[in-house]
Protein backbone atom coordinates (compact mmCIF):
# COMPACT_ATOMS: atom_id res chain seq x y z
CA MET A 1 0.00 0.00 0.00
CA ARG A 2 1.05 3.56 -0.64
CA ILE A 3 0.07 6.57 1.45
CA GLY A 4 0.91 9.35 -0.95
CA ASN A 5 4.60 8.86 -1.68
CA ILE A 6 5.11 6.46 1.25
CA THR A 7 5.32 2.74 0.60
CA VAL A 8 3.96 0.68 3.48
CA GLU A 9 4.97 -2.96 3.75
CA GLY A 10 3.33 -5.58 5.91
CA PHE A 11 -0.26 -6.27 6.82
CA ALA A 12 -1.33 -4.31 9.90
CA ALA A 13 -0.76 -0.98 11.63
CA LEU A 14 -1.23 0.17 15.22
CA ALA A 15 -4.36 2.28 15.56
CA PRO A 16 -4.33 5.40 17.72
CA MET A 17 -5.73 5.00 21.24
CA ALA A 18 -5.95 8.01 23.50
CA GLY A 19 -4.07 7.44 26.73
CA VAL A 20 -2.80 4.08 25.52
CA SER A 21 -0.70 4.11 22.34
CA ASP A 22 2.08 6.32 23.66
CA ARG A 23 5.60 6.43 22.29
CA ALA A 24 6.71 3.40 24.33
CA MET A 25 3.85 1.24 23.10
CA ARG A 26 4.33 2.38 19.52
CA GLU A 27 8.02 1.45 19.59
CA ILE A 28 7.27 -1.99 21.01
CA CYS A 29 4.50 -2.67 18.48
CA VAL A 30 6.70 -1.66 15.55
CA ARG A 31 9.38 -3.99 16.90
CA PHE A 32 6.90 -6.87 16.69
CA GLY A 33 5.71 -6.10 13.20
CA ALA A 34 3.34 -3.13 13.14
CA ALA A 35 3.82 -1.59 9.70
CA PHE A 36 3.25 1.93 10.98
CA CYS A 37 1.75 3.69 13.98
CA VAL A 38 -0.57 6.62 14.51
CA GLY A 39 -0.07 8.58 17.72
CA GLU A 40 -2.50 9.47 20.45
CA LEU A 41 -5.37 11.86 19.85
CA THR A 42 -3.99 15.40 20.12
CA SER A 43 -5.87 18.69 20.32
CA ALA A 44 -4.93 21.01 17.45
CA LYS A 45 -5.84 24.02 19.57
CA ALA A 46 -3.53 22.87 22.38
CA VAL A 47 -0.69 22.34 19.90
CA VAL A 48 -1.12 25.85 18.51
CA LEU A 49 -1.13 27.28 22.04
CA GLY A 50 2.13 25.48 22.80
CA ASP A 51 0.80 23.12 25.47
CA ASP A 52 3.69 20.95 26.70
CA LYS A 53 1.62 17.77 27.13
CA SER A 54 0.24 18.08 23.62
CA LYS A 55 3.70 18.63 22.20
CA SER A 56 4.90 15.48 23.95
CA LEU A 57 2.23 13.49 22.08
CA LEU A 58 3.85 14.48 18.80
CA LYS A 59 7.18 12.80 19.57
CA SER A 60 8.50 10.54 16.82
CA ILE A 61 9.52 6.90 17.16
CA GLY A 62 12.64 7.54 15.09
CA GLY A 63 13.14 6.19 11.61
CA ARG A 64 9.74 4.51 11.42
CA ILE A 65 6.58 5.34 9.50
CA TRP A 66 4.30 7.18 11.90
CA ALA A 67 1.79 10.00 12.12
CA PRO A 68 0.47 12.29 14.82
CA GLN A 69 -3.31 12.41 15.02
CA LEU A 70 -4.92 15.85 15.33
CA PHE A 71 -8.50 16.77 16.16
CA GLY A 72 -10.37 20.05 16.01
CA SER A 73 -13.18 21.85 14.25
CA ASP A 74 -11.48 25.02 12.95
CA PRO A 75 -9.74 24.66 9.55
CA GLN A 76 -7.18 27.39 10.25
CA ILE A 77 -6.23 26.02 13.68
CA MET A 78 -5.97 22.49 12.28
CA ALA A 79 -3.70 23.77 9.51
CA ARG A 80 -1.47 25.65 11.96
CA ALA A 81 -1.24 22.61 14.24
CA ALA A 82 -0.26 20.42 11.30
CA GLU A 83 2.47 22.89 10.40
CA LYS A 84 3.80 22.76 13.97
CA ALA A 85 3.66 18.97 13.92
CA LEU A 86 6.16 18.99 11.05
CA ASP A 87 8.84 19.93 13.60
CA TYR A 88 8.63 16.33 14.87
CA SER A 89 9.37 14.75 11.48
CA PRO A 90 6.16 12.74 10.96
CA SER A 91 5.71 10.58 7.88
CA PHE A 92 2.16 11.86 7.42
CA ILE A 93 -0.57 13.70 9.34
CA ASP A 94 -3.75 11.93 10.45
CA ILE A 95 -6.98 13.85 11.12
CA ASN A 96 -9.41 12.38 13.62
CA MET A 97 -13.07 12.54 12.65
CA GLY A 98 -14.08 9.42 14.53
CA CYS A 99 -13.50 9.94 18.24
CA PRO A 100 -16.82 9.27 20.05
CA ALA A 101 -15.81 10.87 23.36
CA PRO A 102 -18.34 13.54 24.40
CA LYS A 103 -15.62 16.02 25.36
CA VAL A 104 -14.27 15.83 21.80
CA SER A 105 -17.51 15.73 19.83
CA ALA A 106 -19.14 18.40 22.01
CA SER A 107 -16.54 20.88 20.77
CA GLY A 108 -17.31 20.01 17.14
CA GLY A 109 -14.34 17.70 16.63
CA GLY A 110 -14.04 13.95 16.23
CA CYS A 111 -17.28 12.20 15.24
CA ALA A 112 -19.21 15.47 15.22
CA LEU A 113 -17.62 16.26 11.86
CA MET A 114 -19.45 13.30 10.33
CA ARG A 115 -22.57 15.42 10.75
CA ASN A 116 -21.00 18.34 8.90
CA ILE A 117 -19.25 17.00 5.82
CA PRO A 118 -18.77 20.44 4.19
CA LEU A 119 -16.80 21.59 7.26
CA ALA A 120 -14.93 18.28 7.38
CA GLU A 121 -13.87 18.78 3.77
CA LYS A 122 -12.68 22.33 4.50
CA ILE A 123 -10.58 21.07 7.41
CA ILE A 124 -8.97 18.33 5.33
CA LYS A 125 -8.18 20.71 2.48
CA ALA A 126 -6.71 23.27 4.90
CA VAL A 127 -4.39 20.68 6.38
CA VAL A 128 -3.44 19.26 2.98
CA ASP A 129 -2.57 22.76 1.75
CA ALA A 130 -0.55 23.53 4.89
CA VAL A 131 1.90 20.61 4.81
CA ASN A 132 4.16 18.93 2.30
CA ILE A 133 3.53 15.38 3.51
CA PRO A 134 0.51 13.10 3.02
CA VAL A 135 -2.66 13.63 5.05
CA THR A 136 -5.02 10.85 6.09
CA VAL A 137 -8.41 10.88 7.79
CA LYS A 138 -9.98 8.48 10.27
CA PHE A 139 -13.72 8.28 10.83
CA ARG A 140 -16.53 5.88 11.72
CA THR A 141 -19.38 4.49 9.68
CA GLY A 142 -21.64 7.32 10.82
CA TRP A 143 -23.10 9.15 13.80
CA ASP A 144 -25.72 6.45 14.42
CA GLY A 145 -27.54 3.66 12.62
CA GLU A 146 -29.85 6.08 10.84
CA HIS A 147 -27.02 8.24 9.54
CA ILE A 148 -24.46 5.97 7.88
CA ASN A 149 -22.46 8.34 5.69
CA ALA A 150 -18.88 7.06 5.72
CA PRO A 151 -18.79 6.67 1.90
CA ASP A 152 -19.80 10.33 1.51
CA LEU A 153 -17.14 11.51 3.96
CA ALA A 154 -14.56 9.32 2.21
CA LYS A 155 -15.36 10.95 -1.13
CA ALA A 156 -15.13 14.41 0.45
CA ALA A 157 -11.75 13.48 1.93
CA GLU A 158 -10.53 12.28 -1.45
CA ASN A 159 -11.76 15.48 -3.11
CA ALA A 160 -9.92 17.54 -0.49
CA GLY A 161 -6.64 15.78 -1.20
CA ALA A 162 -6.43 13.09 1.49
CA ALA A 163 -3.97 10.33 0.65
CA ALA A 164 -5.89 7.59 2.48
CA VAL A 165 -8.78 7.06 4.87
CA THR A 166 -9.29 4.75 7.84
CA VAL A 167 -12.75 3.49 8.72
CA HIS A 168 -13.65 2.17 12.15
CA GLY A 169 -16.57 -0.12 11.43
CA ARG A 170 -18.94 1.26 14.07
CA THR A 171 -21.09 4.32 14.53
CA ARG A 172 -20.51 6.92 17.20
CA GLU A 173 -23.59 5.58 18.99
CA GLN A 174 -22.09 2.07 19.11
CA MET A 175 -18.84 3.30 20.67
CA TYR A 176 -16.90 0.00 20.79
CA ALA A 177 -19.77 -2.48 21.00
CA PRO A 178 -20.05 -5.19 18.33
CA PRO A 179 -20.68 -5.90 15.58
CA VAL A 180 -18.30 -4.30 13.10
CA ASP A 181 -20.05 -3.07 9.96
CA ILE A 182 -18.20 -4.90 7.18
CA LYS A 183 -20.63 -3.75 4.48
CA THR A 184 -20.06 -0.04 5.07
CA ILE A 185 -16.28 -0.47 5.04
CA ALA A 186 -16.67 -2.26 1.70
CA ALA A 187 -18.87 0.60 0.48
CA VAL A 188 -16.17 3.10 1.40
CA LYS A 189 -13.64 1.06 -0.57
CA ALA A 190 -15.96 1.07 -3.58
CA ALA A 191 -16.53 4.83 -3.31
CA VAL A 192 -12.93 6.06 -3.54
CA LYS A 193 -9.68 5.41 -5.36
CA ILE A 194 -7.37 6.27 -2.46
CA PRO A 195 -6.34 3.49 -0.05
CA VAL A 196 -8.85 2.43 2.60
CA ILE A 197 -7.62 1.12 5.95
CA ALA A 198 -10.11 -0.97 7.94
CA ASN A 199 -10.31 -0.90 11.72
CA GLY A 200 -12.40 -2.74 14.30
CA ASP A 201 -12.17 -6.08 16.12
CA ILE A 202 -9.04 -7.22 14.30
CA ASN A 203 -7.44 -9.38 16.97
CA CYS A 204 -5.68 -12.17 15.09
CA GLY A 205 -4.54 -13.30 11.67
CA ALA A 206 -7.87 -14.92 10.83
CA ALA A 207 -9.77 -11.73 11.69
CA ALA A 208 -7.38 -9.67 9.57
CA GLU A 209 -7.78 -12.06 6.64
CA LYS A 210 -11.57 -11.87 6.93
CA MET A 211 -11.48 -8.07 6.91
CA TYR A 212 -9.31 -8.03 3.79
CA GLU A 213 -11.51 -10.57 2.00
CA LYS A 214 -14.91 -9.15 2.96
CA THR A 215 -14.14 -5.46 2.39
CA GLY A 216 -11.41 -5.36 -0.24
CA CYS A 217 -9.56 -2.90 2.01
CA ASP A 218 -5.95 -1.99 1.33
CA PHE A 219 -4.72 -2.37 4.91
CA VAL A 220 -5.94 -3.02 8.44
CA SER A 221 -5.18 -1.36 11.75
CA VAL A 222 -5.27 -2.98 15.18
CA GLY A 223 -6.34 -1.14 18.32
CA ARG A 224 -7.49 -2.75 21.55
CA ALA A 225 -6.14 -6.21 20.65
CA ALA A 226 -2.60 -4.77 20.90
CA ARG A 227 -3.00 -3.72 24.53
CA GLY A 228 -0.66 -5.97 26.47
CA ASN A 229 -0.19 -7.96 23.28
CA PRO A 230 2.17 -6.32 20.77
CA PHE A 231 2.81 -9.85 19.52
CA VAL A 232 -0.52 -9.71 17.68
CA PHE A 233 1.33 -8.06 14.80
CA SER A 234 3.79 -10.94 14.54
CA GLU A 235 0.87 -13.38 14.54
CA ILE A 236 -1.02 -11.45 11.83
CA ASN A 237 2.08 -11.12 9.66
CA ALA A 238 2.87 -14.81 9.95
CA TYR A 239 -0.73 -15.89 9.28
CA LEU A 240 -1.12 -13.76 6.18
CA SER A 241 2.32 -14.80 4.90
CA GLY A 242 1.55 -18.50 5.33
CA LYS A 243 4.25 -18.91 7.94
CA THR A 244 4.24 -20.70 11.28
CA TYR A 245 3.85 -18.47 14.30
CA THR A 246 5.34 -19.42 17.65
CA PRO A 247 3.84 -17.35 20.46
CA PRO A 248 6.16 -16.07 23.18
CA THR A 249 6.37 -17.80 26.52
CA LEU A 250 4.91 -16.02 29.54
CA LYS A 251 8.43 -15.13 30.66
CA GLU A 252 9.14 -13.57 27.27
CA ARG A 253 5.81 -11.69 27.32
CA LEU A 254 6.48 -10.21 30.74
CA GLU A 255 10.03 -9.27 29.83
CA ILE A 256 8.55 -7.16 27.02
CA CYS A 257 6.08 -5.70 29.50
CA LEU A 258 8.98 -4.55 31.66
CA GLU A 259 10.79 -3.17 28.63
CA GLN A 260 7.72 -1.18 27.63
CA ILE A 261 7.34 0.23 31.14
CA ASP A 262 11.06 1.09 31.23
CA LYS A 263 10.53 3.08 28.04
CA MET A 264 7.57 4.85 29.61
CA ARG A 265 9.72 5.79 32.60
CA LYS A 266 12.39 7.09 30.23
CA TYR A 267 10.02 9.23 28.15
CA LYS A 268 7.78 10.56 30.94
CA ASP A 269 7.87 11.81 34.48
CA GLU A 270 8.49 8.78 36.73
CA TYR A 271 5.34 9.29 38.79
CA ILE A 272 3.12 9.66 35.71
CA ALA A 273 4.79 6.71 34.01
CA ILE A 274 4.11 4.38 36.96
CA LEU A 275 0.47 5.47 37.16
CA GLU A 276 -0.01 4.88 33.44
CA ALA A 277 1.90 1.60 33.60
CA ARG A 278 -0.77 0.11 35.84
CA LYS A 279 -3.22 -0.48 33.01
CA HIS A 280 -0.54 -1.84 30.68
CA LEU A 281 0.64 -4.28 33.34
CA ALA A 282 -2.95 -5.40 33.90
CA TRP A 283 -3.38 -6.02 30.17
CA TYR A 284 -0.20 -8.10 29.98
CA ILE A 285 -1.29 -10.40 32.82
CA THR A 286 -4.88 -10.99 31.75
CA ARG A 287 -6.07 -14.57 31.17
CA LEU A 288 -3.52 -16.02 33.60
CA SER A 289 -4.12 -18.18 36.64
CA GLY A 290 -4.76 -15.78 39.49
CA ALA A 291 -5.33 -12.95 37.01
CA ALA A 292 -8.05 -11.21 39.04
CA ALA A 293 -5.86 -10.85 42.12
CA LEU A 294 -2.86 -9.93 39.99
CA ARG A 295 -4.81 -7.18 38.22
CA ARG A 296 -5.92 -5.77 41.57
CA ARG A 297 -2.27 -5.56 42.60
CA ALA A 298 -1.30 -4.11 39.23
CA CYS A 299 -3.81 -1.29 39.68
CA THR A 300 -2.15 -0.17 42.91
CA VAL A 301 1.57 -0.34 42.08
CA LYS A 302 3.54 2.72 43.16
CA SER A 303 7.06 1.88 42.02
CA ASN A 304 9.02 -0.14 39.53
CA GLU A 305 9.79 -2.58 42.34
CA ASP A 306 6.05 -3.12 42.85
CA ILE A 307 5.69 -3.83 39.14
CA LYS A 308 8.48 -6.39 39.21
CA ALA A 309 6.86 -8.05 42.23
CA VAL A 310 3.57 -8.46 40.36
CA ILE A 311 5.39 -9.94 37.39
CA GLN A 312 7.30 -12.35 39.62
CA LYS A 313 4.07 -13.47 41.26
CA ALA A 314 2.49 -14.01 37.81
CA LEU A 315 5.39 -16.27 36.84
CA GLU A 316 5.13 -18.22 40.10
CA LEU A 317 1.39 -18.79 39.61
CA ASN A 318 1.85 -19.86 35.97
CA PRO A 319 5.05 -21.95 35.86
CA ASP A 320 4.09 -23.90 32.74
CA MET A 321 3.23 -21.03 30.42
């Protein structure tokens, strides 16, 4: 697949997840086969105002294909934020028009733009005109079941100069509840000539293969299935290449967990990193013997030593994994 002048190799990318897919997670996922990564949802207005936290969300993963993801409802502010994002050497810029969070849509950004396609098109064109790298757009199938308009938004994005679009196969009303709307993703693919990336419930090689076959999409992106499981990209790549996949042992999995948390501690304030590491640790130890008690401990860790203690206990309770 090509995103503008960028050639993407592989089968699956890491989808953006606010508060989850930080720089540490992106680096780990790329290591295990993610073809590219899109960063956490970032307010264009905050970027323009010079907010330090927002600027930190734009940090590159060095030498890899990646994009920051911006949201907002003002074409000029979105364009200015995209220009500022260029300072962090992104491969492309992604515009979010699919976030269902009330605090985002209430301000006119995210999914709210699916209800105002003329404004959405103006925003995309403003960003395309402001930068010299490709621009992509992510959105959902529609606002709700009675307003499925993803094909229309895709055509508007293509007309405005977008290099590719990503479709999460649910409406804003559905949030993250099943099922994924395969038919609408296929309709988006039929509506435009630019690449279409499909997103939603892709958690293994078989699910990725089904999405490719049923929609004709050009690529897939993986979100929640990568939490605590960056190895999902290795599994997908092996499955779609016809190769044998050997999953990591529990010891290997938890070593990667520690490596990811070490990266978080390197890139962030130690206190913040430990607090945010709690959820990642809990995701890594799910589906183990004693998982419920382990997750409770994970959600209260206060130091790296506490994290190591939880991991050691997980290994003791699951000696054969």
